Amino acid sequence: MANRHRGEIAALLGGERRTLVLTLGALAELEDAFGGEDMLALASRFETGRISARDAIRVIGAGLRGAGDTVSDEEVARMNVEGGAAGYIAIVADLLTATFGGET
């Protein structure tokens, strides 16, 4: 079960209930993926509400790996989510909110 106080969320991905968390290592992975930005720049990057499919794959993949899953970004890209594209964006928004704070 996901513990929101630790920044964890639960999501149904690929037909399985999974836990995601952006640990310090997962955040470092995202910094590398997005050009070496620091954590504050990373947070403000997503505050605009604009996110590409590639961004969503990277964030979801990093969150899964932060929670101990060994899934690759390629595997994440093939996972289905209820709600289609809006479902992916909802997972990313929930994970970023759990990590950086704000309204849920």
N, C-alpha and C. Protein backbone atom coordinates (compact mmCIF):
# COMPACT_ATOMS: atom_id res chain seq x y z
N MET A 1 0.84 -1.18 0.00
CA MET A 1 0.00 0.00 0.00
C MET A 1 0.89 1.25 0.00
N ALA A 2 0.54 2.20 -0.85
CA ALA A 2 1.32 3.42 -0.97
C ALA A 2 1.14 4.31 0.26
N ASN A 3 2.24 4.94 0.68
CA ASN A 3 2.22 5.84 1.83
C ASN A 3 2.50 7.25 1.32
N ARG A 4 1.48 8.06 1.23
CA ARG A 4 1.59 9.42 0.70
C ARG A 4 2.54 10.28 1.52
N HIS A 5 2.67 9.99 2.82
CA HIS A 5 3.60 10.76 3.66
C HIS A 5 5.05 10.54 3.26
N ARG A 6 5.31 9.45 2.55
CA ARG A 6 6.66 9.18 2.03
C ARG A 6 6.76 9.56 0.56
N GLY A 7 5.72 10.19 0.02
CA GLY A 7 5.72 10.60 -1.38
C GLY A 7 5.29 9.50 -2.34
N GLU A 8 4.75 8.41 -1.81
CA GLU A 8 4.34 7.29 -2.65
C GLU A 8 2.91 7.50 -3.14
N ILE A 9 2.66 6.99 -4.35
CA ILE A 9 1.30 6.92 -4.87
C ILE A 9 1.07 5.51 -5.38
N ALA A 10 -0.19 5.16 -5.55
CA ALA A 10 -0.56 3.90 -6.17
C ALA A 10 -1.23 4.20 -7.50
N ALA A 11 -0.96 3.37 -8.50
CA ALA A 11 -1.57 3.56 -9.82
C ALA A 11 -1.76 2.20 -10.47
N LEU A 12 -2.79 2.11 -11.29
CA LEU A 12 -3.05 0.90 -12.05
C LEU A 12 -2.38 1.07 -13.41
N LEU A 13 -1.29 0.35 -13.61
CA LEU A 13 -0.50 0.43 -14.84
C LEU A 13 -0.33 -0.97 -15.41
N GLY A 14 -0.64 -1.12 -16.69
CA GLY A 14 -0.48 -2.42 -17.31
C GLY A 14 -1.30 -3.50 -16.65
N GLY A 15 -2.44 -3.13 -16.08
CA GLY A 15 -3.32 -4.08 -15.44
C GLY A 15 -2.92 -4.48 -14.03
N GLU A 16 -1.86 -3.86 -13.49
CA GLU A 16 -1.40 -4.17 -12.13
C GLU A 16 -1.40 -2.92 -11.28
N ARG A 17 -1.77 -3.07 -10.01
CA ARG A 17 -1.67 -1.97 -9.06
C ARG A 17 -0.21 -1.86 -8.66
N ARG A 18 0.35 -0.70 -8.87
CA ARG A 18 1.78 -0.49 -8.62
C ARG A 18 1.99 0.73 -7.73
N THR A 19 3.11 0.72 -7.02
CA THR A 19 3.52 1.86 -6.21
C THR A 19 4.59 2.62 -6.97
N LEU A 20 4.50 3.94 -6.91
CA LEU A 20 5.50 4.82 -7.53
C LEU A 20 5.98 5.81 -6.47
N VAL A 21 7.25 6.15 -6.50
CA VAL A 21 7.81 7.16 -5.61
C VAL A 21 9.05 7.76 -6.28
N LEU A 22 9.16 9.06 -6.18
CA LEU A 22 10.35 9.73 -6.72
C LEU A 22 11.35 9.90 -5.59
N THR A 23 12.17 8.88 -5.40
CA THR A 23 13.25 8.93 -4.41
C THR A 23 14.31 9.91 -4.90
N LEU A 24 15.30 10.15 -4.07
CA LEU A 24 16.40 11.02 -4.47
C LEU A 24 17.09 10.46 -5.72
N GLY A 25 17.27 9.15 -5.77
CA GLY A 25 17.87 8.52 -6.95
C GLY A 25 17.01 8.69 -8.19
N ALA A 26 15.68 8.55 -8.02
CA ALA A 26 14.77 8.73 -9.15
C ALA A 26 14.79 10.19 -9.63
N LEU A 27 14.87 11.12 -8.70
CA LEU A 27 14.96 12.54 -9.08
C LEU A 27 16.26 12.82 -9.82
N ALA A 28 17.35 12.21 -9.38
CA ALA A 28 18.64 12.38 -10.08
C ALA A 28 18.54 11.82 -11.50
N GLU A 29 17.85 10.70 -11.64
CA GLU A 29 17.63 10.11 -12.96
C GLU A 29 16.88 11.10 -13.86
N LEU A 30 15.85 11.75 -13.30
CA LEU A 30 15.10 12.73 -14.08
C LEU A 30 15.92 13.96 -14.40
N GLU A 31 16.74 14.40 -13.46
CA GLU A 31 17.64 15.54 -13.74
C GLU A 31 18.50 15.23 -14.95
N ASP A 32 19.08 14.03 -14.99
CA ASP A 32 19.90 13.62 -16.13
C ASP A 32 19.08 13.58 -17.41
N ALA A 33 17.88 13.02 -17.33
CA ALA A 33 17.03 12.89 -18.51
C ALA A 33 16.60 14.24 -19.07
N PHE A 34 16.46 15.23 -18.19
CA PHE A 34 15.99 16.54 -18.62
C PHE A 34 17.11 17.58 -18.66
N GLY A 35 18.32 17.16 -18.88
CA GLY A 35 19.41 18.09 -19.12
C GLY A 35 20.13 18.60 -17.89
N GLY A 36 20.17 17.82 -16.81
CA GLY A 36 20.94 18.19 -15.64
C GLY A 36 20.37 19.31 -14.81
N GLU A 37 19.06 19.56 -14.96
CA GLU A 37 18.42 20.59 -14.14
C GLU A 37 18.42 20.15 -12.68
N ASP A 38 18.42 21.14 -11.76
CA ASP A 38 18.32 20.80 -10.34
C ASP A 38 16.87 20.50 -9.98
N MET A 39 16.63 20.09 -8.73
CA MET A 39 15.28 19.68 -8.33
C MET A 39 14.27 20.82 -8.44
N LEU A 40 14.66 22.04 -8.10
CA LEU A 40 13.72 23.16 -8.20
C LEU A 40 13.37 23.44 -9.66
N ALA A 41 14.37 23.37 -10.53
CA ALA A 41 14.11 23.56 -11.96
C ALA A 41 13.23 22.44 -12.49
N LEU A 42 13.46 21.24 -11.99
CA LEU A 42 12.64 20.10 -12.38
C LEU A 42 11.19 20.32 -11.98
N ALA A 43 10.96 20.77 -10.74
CA ALA A 43 9.60 21.03 -10.27
C ALA A 43 8.94 22.13 -11.10
N SER A 44 9.66 23.21 -11.36
CA SER A 44 9.05 24.31 -12.11
C SER A 44 8.83 23.94 -13.57
N ARG A 45 9.63 23.00 -14.10
CA ARG A 45 9.43 22.52 -15.47
C ARG A 45 8.02 21.96 -15.64
N PHE A 46 7.53 21.26 -14.61
CA PHE A 46 6.24 20.61 -14.71
C PHE A 46 5.09 21.47 -14.19
N GLU A 47 5.38 22.60 -13.54
CA GLU A 47 4.32 23.48 -13.04
C GLU A 47 3.49 24.08 -14.16
N THR A 48 4.04 24.18 -15.34
CA THR A 48 3.32 24.77 -16.47
C THR A 48 2.15 23.91 -16.90
N GLY A 49 2.16 22.63 -16.52
CA GLY A 49 1.09 21.73 -16.92
C GLY A 49 1.30 21.14 -18.30
N ARG A 50 2.37 21.52 -18.97
CA ARG A 50 2.67 20.97 -20.29
C ARG A 50 3.64 19.81 -20.11
N ILE A 51 3.24 18.67 -20.67
CA ILE A 51 4.07 17.48 -20.54
C ILE A 51 3.95 16.65 -21.81
N SER A 52 5.08 16.20 -22.30
CA SER A 52 5.07 15.37 -23.51
C SER A 52 4.89 13.91 -23.12
N ALA A 53 4.59 13.10 -24.11
CA ALA A 53 4.47 11.66 -23.87
C ALA A 53 5.79 11.11 -23.34
N ARG A 54 6.91 11.56 -23.91
CA ARG A 54 8.24 11.12 -23.46
C ARG A 54 8.46 11.53 -22.00
N ASP A 55 8.06 12.75 -21.63
CA ASP A 55 8.17 13.19 -20.24
C ASP A 55 7.40 12.26 -19.32
N ALA A 56 6.16 11.92 -19.72
CA ALA A 56 5.32 11.05 -18.89
C ALA A 56 5.97 9.68 -18.71
N ILE A 57 6.50 9.12 -19.79
CA ILE A 57 7.19 7.82 -19.71
C ILE A 57 8.35 7.90 -18.73
N ARG A 58 9.14 8.95 -18.83
CA ARG A 58 10.32 9.09 -17.95
C ARG A 58 9.93 9.24 -16.49
N VAL A 59 8.92 10.07 -16.22
CA VAL A 59 8.50 10.30 -14.84
C VAL A 59 7.89 9.03 -14.25
N ILE A 60 7.01 8.39 -15.00
CA ILE A 60 6.39 7.15 -14.50
C ILE A 60 7.45 6.07 -14.31
N GLY A 61 8.35 5.92 -15.27
CA GLY A 61 9.42 4.93 -15.14
C GLY A 61 10.31 5.19 -13.94
N ALA A 62 10.69 6.43 -13.74
CA ALA A 62 11.54 6.78 -12.58
C ALA A 62 10.79 6.51 -11.28
N GLY A 63 9.48 6.81 -11.26
CA GLY A 63 8.67 6.55 -10.07
C GLY A 63 8.55 5.07 -9.76
N LEU A 64 8.38 4.26 -10.79
CA LEU A 64 8.32 2.81 -10.59
C LEU A 64 9.66 2.28 -10.08
N ARG A 65 10.74 2.72 -10.70
CA ARG A 65 12.06 2.26 -10.28
C ARG A 65 12.39 2.76 -8.88
N GLY A 66 11.93 3.97 -8.53
CA GLY A 66 12.13 4.49 -7.18
C GLY A 66 11.45 3.61 -6.13
N ALA A 67 10.36 2.97 -6.53
CA ALA A 67 9.64 2.08 -5.62
C ALA A 67 10.16 0.65 -5.67
N GLY A 68 11.23 0.42 -6.46
CA GLY A 68 11.86 -0.90 -6.49
C GLY A 68 11.54 -1.77 -7.68
N ASP A 69 10.71 -1.29 -8.60
CA ASP A 69 10.40 -2.04 -9.80
C ASP A 69 11.60 -1.99 -10.74
N THR A 70 11.78 -3.01 -11.55
CA THR A 70 12.92 -3.04 -12.48
C THR A 70 12.49 -2.75 -13.91
N VAL A 71 11.36 -2.12 -14.08
CA VAL A 71 10.80 -1.84 -15.39
C VAL A 71 11.63 -0.80 -16.14
N SER A 72 11.75 -1.00 -17.46
CA SER A 72 12.46 -0.03 -18.30
C SER A 72 11.47 1.00 -18.86
N ASP A 73 11.99 2.11 -19.37
CA ASP A 73 11.12 3.10 -19.99
C ASP A 73 10.39 2.50 -21.19
N GLU A 74 11.04 1.60 -21.92
CA GLU A 74 10.40 0.95 -23.06
C GLU A 74 9.19 0.12 -22.60
N GLU A 75 9.32 -0.55 -21.47
CA GLU A 75 8.20 -1.32 -20.92
C GLU A 75 7.08 -0.39 -20.46
N VAL A 76 7.45 0.73 -19.83
CA VAL A 76 6.45 1.71 -19.40
C VAL A 76 5.67 2.22 -20.61
N ALA A 77 6.36 2.47 -21.71
CA ALA A 77 5.72 2.99 -22.91
C ALA A 77 4.66 2.03 -23.46
N ARG A 78 4.77 0.76 -23.18
CA ARG A 78 3.80 -0.23 -23.66
C ARG A 78 2.67 -0.50 -22.67
N MET A 79 2.75 0.05 -21.47
CA MET A 79 1.72 -0.20 -20.45
C MET A 79 0.45 0.59 -20.78
N ASN A 80 -0.69 -0.08 -20.59
CA ASN A 80 -1.95 0.63 -20.79
C ASN A 80 -2.44 1.18 -19.45
N VAL A 81 -3.21 2.25 -19.56
CA VAL A 81 -3.75 2.93 -18.38
C VAL A 81 -5.20 3.29 -18.66
N GLU A 82 -6.05 3.09 -17.68
CA GLU A 82 -7.44 3.50 -17.83
C GLU A 82 -7.49 5.01 -18.06
N GLY A 83 -8.26 5.42 -19.02
CA GLY A 83 -8.39 6.84 -19.32
C GLY A 83 -7.46 7.31 -20.42
N GLY A 84 -6.65 6.40 -20.97
CA GLY A 84 -5.76 6.77 -22.06
C GLY A 84 -4.77 7.86 -21.67
N ALA A 85 -4.54 8.79 -22.58
CA ALA A 85 -3.55 9.84 -22.35
C ALA A 85 -3.83 10.64 -21.08
N ALA A 86 -5.11 10.91 -20.83
CA ALA A 86 -5.46 11.66 -19.61
C ALA A 86 -5.10 10.85 -18.37
N GLY A 87 -5.21 9.54 -18.43
CA GLY A 87 -4.83 8.68 -17.31
C GLY A 87 -3.35 8.76 -17.00
N TYR A 88 -2.53 8.77 -18.05
CA TYR A 88 -1.08 8.90 -17.84
C TYR A 88 -0.74 10.23 -17.18
N ILE A 89 -1.36 11.29 -17.69
CA ILE A 89 -1.09 12.63 -17.16
C ILE A 89 -1.55 12.72 -15.70
N ALA A 90 -2.67 12.10 -15.37
CA ALA A 90 -3.15 12.11 -13.99
C ALA A 90 -2.17 11.42 -13.05
N ILE A 91 -1.56 10.33 -13.50
CA ILE A 91 -0.55 9.62 -12.69
C ILE A 91 0.66 10.52 -12.47
N VAL A 92 1.13 11.13 -13.54
CA VAL A 92 2.30 12.03 -13.43
C VAL A 92 1.99 13.19 -12.48
N ALA A 93 0.82 13.80 -12.64
CA ALA A 93 0.46 14.94 -11.78
C ALA A 93 0.37 14.51 -10.32
N ASP A 94 -0.22 13.36 -10.06
CA ASP A 94 -0.34 12.87 -8.69
C ASP A 94 1.03 12.59 -8.08
N LEU A 95 1.92 11.98 -8.87
CA LEU A 95 3.26 11.67 -8.39
C LEU A 95 4.06 12.94 -8.11
N LEU A 96 3.97 13.91 -9.00
CA LEU A 96 4.70 15.18 -8.78
C LEU A 96 4.14 15.93 -7.58
N THR A 97 2.82 15.89 -7.40
CA THR A 97 2.22 16.54 -6.23
C THR A 97 2.68 15.86 -4.95
N ALA A 98 2.71 14.52 -4.95
CA ALA A 98 3.16 13.79 -3.77
C ALA A 98 4.62 14.08 -3.46
N THR A 99 5.41 14.33 -4.49
CA THR A 99 6.85 14.58 -4.33
C THR A 99 7.14 16.01 -3.90
N PHE A 100 6.55 16.96 -4.61
CA PHE A 100 6.90 18.37 -4.42
C PHE A 100 5.87 19.15 -3.61
N GLY A 101 4.74 18.52 -3.27
CA GLY A 101 3.72 19.19 -2.49
C GLY A 101 2.70 19.87 -3.37
N GLY A 102 1.70 20.41 -2.73
CA GLY A 102 0.63 21.09 -3.45
C GLY A 102 -0.68 20.37 -3.25
N GLU A 103 -1.68 20.84 -3.93
CA GLU A 103 -3.04 20.27 -3.84
C GLU A 103 -3.09 18.95 -4.57
N THR A 104 -3.91 18.00 -4.07
CA THR A 104 -4.13 16.74 -4.77
C THR A 104 -5.47 16.70 -5.43
